[in-house]
């Protein structure tokens, strides 16, 4: 079971940027697709971004496309989410996720991080 630990959340003004990191344990990190999800108060958890095991293919929610970039460094067992042009509606707890498969198209998450709070002030 891969363990995930997020960091990099915080308070930022609208229009600002943050970079989230997710450190994964285990030697099989580079076998799995990875993703980011978020959950705002009173709302369900929603998909934000994902990328395949080698970073060769990515996917984004329409609400973040063009503003957020997901990437990974398999040598460091880490996945990142660079968030630019942040909006108050991006405020949420952001969760790192490890998919069951090498490709995110399968859609099955096998492990979740504990989450990191991102708050965007207007």
Protein backbone atom coordinates (compact mmCIF):
# COMPACT_ATOMS: atom_id res chain seq x y z
CA UNK A 1 0.00 0.00 0.00
CA UNK A 2 1.50 3.31 -1.04
CA UNK A 3 1.36 6.12 1.51
CA UNK A 4 0.94 9.71 0.37
CA UNK A 5 1.78 12.93 2.19
CA UNK A 6 0.77 16.30 0.76
CA UNK A 7 2.36 19.66 1.48
CA UNK A 8 2.38 23.18 0.11
CA UNK A 9 -1.12 24.34 0.92
CA UNK A 10 -1.84 27.70 2.49
CA UNK A 11 -3.52 31.07 2.18
CA UNK A 12 -3.05 33.07 -1.01
CA UNK A 13 -4.72 36.07 -2.61
CA UNK A 14 -6.76 35.72 -5.77
CA UNK A 15 -4.49 35.73 -8.79
CA UNK A 16 -1.64 34.19 -6.85
CA UNK A 17 0.07 30.82 -7.17
CA UNK A 18 0.81 27.78 -5.05
CA UNK A 19 2.60 24.53 -5.71
CA UNK A 20 1.38 21.41 -3.94
CA UNK A 21 3.65 18.43 -3.47
CA UNK A 22 2.79 14.83 -2.71
CA UNK A 23 5.51 12.51 -1.48
CA UNK A 24 4.86 8.80 -1.91
CA UNK A 25 6.38 5.90 -0.04
CA UNK A 26 7.40 2.65 -1.64
CA UNK A 27 9.52 1.57 -4.57
CA UNK A 28 6.64 1.07 -6.98
CA UNK A 29 5.61 4.72 -7.26
CA UNK A 30 6.55 4.90 -10.92
CA UNK A 31 4.09 2.12 -11.78
CA UNK A 32 0.98 4.12 -10.94
CA UNK A 33 -0.96 6.97 -12.40
CA UNK A 34 -1.35 9.82 -9.94
CA UNK A 35 -3.95 12.50 -9.46
CA UNK A 36 -5.22 15.43 -7.45
CA UNK A 37 -8.76 15.85 -6.16
CA UNK A 38 -10.33 18.55 -4.02
CA UNK A 39 -13.26 18.97 -1.67
CA UNK A 40 -14.81 22.29 -0.76
CA UNK A 41 -17.01 22.71 2.33
CA UNK A 42 -20.44 21.22 1.76
CA UNK A 43 -19.46 19.75 -1.60
CA UNK A 44 -18.42 16.35 -2.84
CA UNK A 45 -14.83 15.50 -3.64
CA UNK A 46 -14.08 16.31 -7.27
CA UNK A 47 -11.39 15.45 -9.77
CA UNK A 48 -8.78 18.12 -10.49
CA UNK A 49 -5.96 16.56 -12.52
CA UNK A 50 -4.22 13.28 -13.30
CA UNK A 51 -1.25 11.95 -15.17
CA UNK A 52 -0.06 8.53 -16.31
CA UNK A 53 2.82 6.58 -14.79
CA UNK A 54 5.42 8.29 -16.98
CA UNK A 55 3.77 11.69 -17.14
CA UNK A 56 3.16 11.22 -20.85
CA UNK A 57 -0.55 11.94 -20.68
CA UNK A 58 -2.46 14.34 -18.47
CA UNK A 59 -6.06 15.27 -17.82
CA UNK A 60 -7.65 18.28 -16.14
CA UNK A 61 -11.03 19.35 -14.93
CA UNK A 62 -12.48 22.08 -17.12
CA UNK A 63 -12.51 24.46 -14.16
CA UNK A 64 -8.70 24.37 -13.82
CA UNK A 65 -7.59 23.79 -17.39
CA UNK A 66 -5.01 26.34 -18.45
CA UNK A 67 -4.31 27.41 -14.86
CA UNK A 68 -3.11 24.22 -13.13
CA UNK A 69 -0.28 21.90 -14.17
CA UNK A 70 0.30 18.40 -12.82
CA UNK A 71 3.73 16.82 -13.03
CA UNK A 72 5.77 14.06 -11.41
CA UNK A 73 9.36 13.22 -10.60
CA UNK A 74 9.63 9.46 -10.37
CA UNK A 75 13.21 9.69 -9.09
CA UNK A 76 11.87 11.60 -6.07
CA UNK A 77 8.60 9.67 -5.69
CA UNK A 78 6.79 12.98 -5.84
CA UNK A 79 3.87 14.43 -7.77
CA UNK A 80 3.20 18.15 -7.99
CA UNK A 81 0.30 20.46 -8.72
CA UNK A 82 1.24 23.97 -9.79
CA UNK A 83 -1.72 26.27 -9.40
CA UNK A 84 -1.66 29.67 -11.09
CA UNK A 85 -4.26 32.43 -11.35
CA UNK A 86 -6.00 31.11 -8.28
CA UNK A 87 -9.63 32.05 -7.67
CA UNK A 88 -11.68 32.06 -4.46
CA UNK A 89 -13.65 29.12 -5.85
CA UNK A 90 -10.45 27.06 -5.81
CA UNK A 91 -10.62 27.08 -2.01
CA UNK A 92 -10.76 23.45 -0.84
CA UNK A 93 -8.87 20.63 0.78
CA UNK A 94 -6.67 19.12 -1.92
CA UNK A 95 -6.00 15.38 -1.87
CA UNK A 96 -3.29 13.45 -3.63
CA UNK A 97 -4.33 10.10 -5.07
CA UNK A 98 -2.55 7.04 -6.39
CA UNK A 99 -4.49 5.11 -8.99
CA UNK A 100 -4.64 1.35 -9.08
CA UNK A 101 -3.27 1.24 -12.62
CA UNK A 102 -0.53 2.86 -14.68
CA UNK A 103 -3.12 4.82 -16.63
CA UNK A 104 -5.69 7.11 -14.98
CA UNK A 105 -8.35 6.16 -17.51
CA UNK A 106 -9.17 3.16 -15.34
CA UNK A 107 -10.41 5.58 -12.74
CA UNK A 108 -9.81 3.46 -9.64
CA UNK A 109 -7.94 5.13 -6.79
CA UNK A 110 -6.06 2.81 -4.45
CA UNK A 111 -4.61 5.30 -1.97
CA UNK A 112 -5.39 8.79 -0.70
CA UNK A 113 -3.32 11.37 1.11
CA UNK A 114 -4.57 13.17 4.19
CA UNK A 115 -5.21 16.42 2.34
CA UNK A 116 -3.83 19.94 2.45
CA UNK A 117 -5.91 23.11 2.79
CA UNK A 118 -5.80 25.75 0.08
CA UNK A 119 -7.58 29.02 0.80
CA UNK A 120 -7.84 31.77 -1.80
CA UNK A 121 -8.94 35.17 -0.55
CA UNK A 122 -10.68 37.69 -2.76
